[in-house]
Amino acid sequence: MAGVTSTTSTVQVLLRRAVGLIGQKALAIRLGVPVTVLEGWMAGRGSMPLRTLSILVDLLAEPGEP
């Protein structure tokens, strides 16, 4: 399956923003991944599947989010 490398700075910025909004554990749950995987993406390791990126973008686009 195609993915977005987490070394893409935009992905890391989006992840950090989401963690700031809902916290790391809650974000991992929303994305359906272990916290360790989330930490890896935030550190620029591994590859985030496009479906997961879509979930992340939808989360950040929810009404009421800055």
C-alpha atoms as a PDB file:
ATOM      1  CA  MET A   1       0.000   0.000   0.000  1.00  0.00           C
ATOM      2  CA  ALA A   2       1.271   3.459  -0.828  1.00  0.00           C
ATOM      3  CA  GLY A   3       2.103   5.761   2.016  1.00  0.00           C
ATOM      4  CA  VAL A   4       3.529   9.119   2.877  1.00  0.00           C
ATOM      5  CA  THR A   5       6.987   9.030   4.403  1.00  0.00           C
ATOM      6  CA  SER A   6       6.938  10.576   7.818  1.00  0.00           C
ATOM      7  CA  THR A   7      10.094  12.496   6.927  1.00  0.00           C
ATOM      8  CA  THR A   8       7.755  14.780   5.008  1.00  0.00           C
ATOM      9  CA  SER A   9       7.800  17.852   7.200  1.00  0.00           C
ATOM     10  CA  THR A  10       4.133  18.598   6.509  1.00  0.00           C
ATOM     11  CA  VAL A  11       3.089  15.256   8.006  1.00  0.00           C
ATOM     12  CA  GLN A  12       5.175  15.892  11.099  1.00  0.00           C
ATOM     13  CA  VAL A  13       3.671  19.363  11.500  1.00  0.00           C
ATOM     14  CA  LEU A  14       0.145  17.952  11.189  1.00  0.00           C
ATOM     15  CA  LEU A  15       0.911  15.248  13.743  1.00  0.00           C
ATOM     16  CA  ARG A  16       2.321  17.749  16.212  1.00  0.00           C
ATOM     17  CA  ARG A  17      -0.696  19.989  15.785  1.00  0.00           C
ATOM     18  CA  ALA A  18      -3.074  17.090  16.396  1.00  0.00           C
ATOM     19  CA  VAL A  19      -1.118  16.002  19.480  1.00  0.00           C
ATOM     20  CA  GLY A  20      -1.380  19.566  20.759  1.00  0.00           C
ATOM     21  CA  LEU A  21      -5.139  19.458  20.314  1.00  0.00           C
ATOM     22  CA  ILE A  22      -6.050  16.038  21.705  1.00  0.00           C
ATOM     23  CA  GLY A  23      -2.888  14.505  23.151  1.00  0.00           C
ATOM     24  CA  GLN A  24      -0.629  11.733  21.959  1.00  0.00           C
ATOM     25  CA  LYS A  25      -2.552   8.758  23.346  1.00  0.00           C
ATOM     26  CA  ALA A  26      -5.902  10.011  22.034  1.00  0.00           C
ATOM     27  CA  LEU A  27      -4.386  10.667  18.597  1.00  0.00           C
ATOM     28  CA  ALA A  28      -2.901   7.180  18.458  1.00  0.00           C
ATOM     29  CA  ILE A  29      -6.336   5.751  19.270  1.00  0.00           C
ATOM     30  CA  ARG A  30      -8.038   7.912  16.605  1.00  0.00           C
ATOM     31  CA  LEU A  31      -5.470   6.831  14.023  1.00  0.00           C
ATOM     32  CA  GLY A  32      -5.704   3.188  15.093  1.00  0.00           C
ATOM     33  CA  VAL A  33      -1.991   2.766  15.794  1.00  0.00           C
ATOM     34  CA  PRO A  34       0.170   2.095  18.849  1.00  0.00           C
ATOM     35  CA  VAL A  35       1.714   5.163  20.490  1.00  0.00           C
ATOM     36  CA  THR A  36       5.151   3.848  19.502  1.00  0.00           C
ATOM     37  CA  VAL A  37       4.198   3.978  15.808  1.00  0.00           C
ATOM     38  CA  LEU A  38       2.890   7.523  16.231  1.00  0.00           C
ATOM     39  CA  GLU A  39       6.122   8.527  17.957  1.00  0.00           C
ATOM     40  CA  GLY A  40       8.089   7.062  15.068  1.00  0.00           C
ATOM     41  CA  TRP A  41       6.139   9.078  12.495  1.00  0.00           C
ATOM     42  CA  MET A  42       6.615  12.211  14.573  1.00  0.00           C
ATOM     43  CA  ALA A  43      10.359  11.531  14.646  1.00  0.00           C
ATOM     44  CA  GLY A  44      10.487  11.029  10.881  1.00  0.00           C
ATOM     45  CA  ARG A  45      10.692   7.239  10.923  1.00  0.00           C
ATOM     46  CA  GLY A  46       8.465   4.878   9.003  1.00  0.00           C
ATOM     47  CA  SER A  47       5.731   5.528   6.516  1.00  0.00           C
ATOM     48  CA  MET A  48       2.211   6.721   7.257  1.00  0.00           C
ATOM     49  CA  PRO A  49      -0.427   5.027   5.076  1.00  0.00           C
ATOM     50  CA  LEU A  50      -2.494   7.434   2.986  1.00  0.00           C
ATOM     51  CA  ARG A  51      -5.675   6.265   4.725  1.00  0.00           C
ATOM     52  CA  THR A  52      -4.182   7.262   8.071  1.00  0.00           C
ATOM     53  CA  LEU A  53      -3.138  10.631   6.681  1.00  0.00           C
ATOM     54  CA  SER A  54      -6.730  11.135   5.547  1.00  0.00           C
ATOM     55  CA  ILE A  55      -7.984  10.404   9.069  1.00  0.00           C
ATOM     56  CA  LEU A  56      -5.454  12.902  10.447  1.00  0.00           C
ATOM     57  CA  VAL A  57      -6.533  15.623   8.029  1.00  0.00           C
ATOM     58  CA  ASP A  58     -10.216  14.964   8.794  1.00  0.00           C
ATOM     59  CA  LEU A  59      -9.478  15.252  12.506  1.00  0.00           C
ATOM     60  CA  LEU A  60      -7.792  18.605  12.042  1.00  0.00           C
ATOM     61  CA  ALA A  61     -10.628  19.833   9.808  1.00  0.00           C
ATOM     62  CA  GLU A  62     -13.360  19.057  12.346  1.00  0.00           C
ATOM     63  CA  PRO A  63     -15.540  22.059  13.215  1.00  0.00           C
ATOM     64  CA  GLY A  64     -14.246  23.963  16.179  1.00  0.00           C
ATOM     65  CA  GLU A  65     -10.597  23.145  15.521  1.00  0.00           C
ATOM     66  CA  PRO A  66      -8.359  26.168  15.065  1.00  0.00           C
END
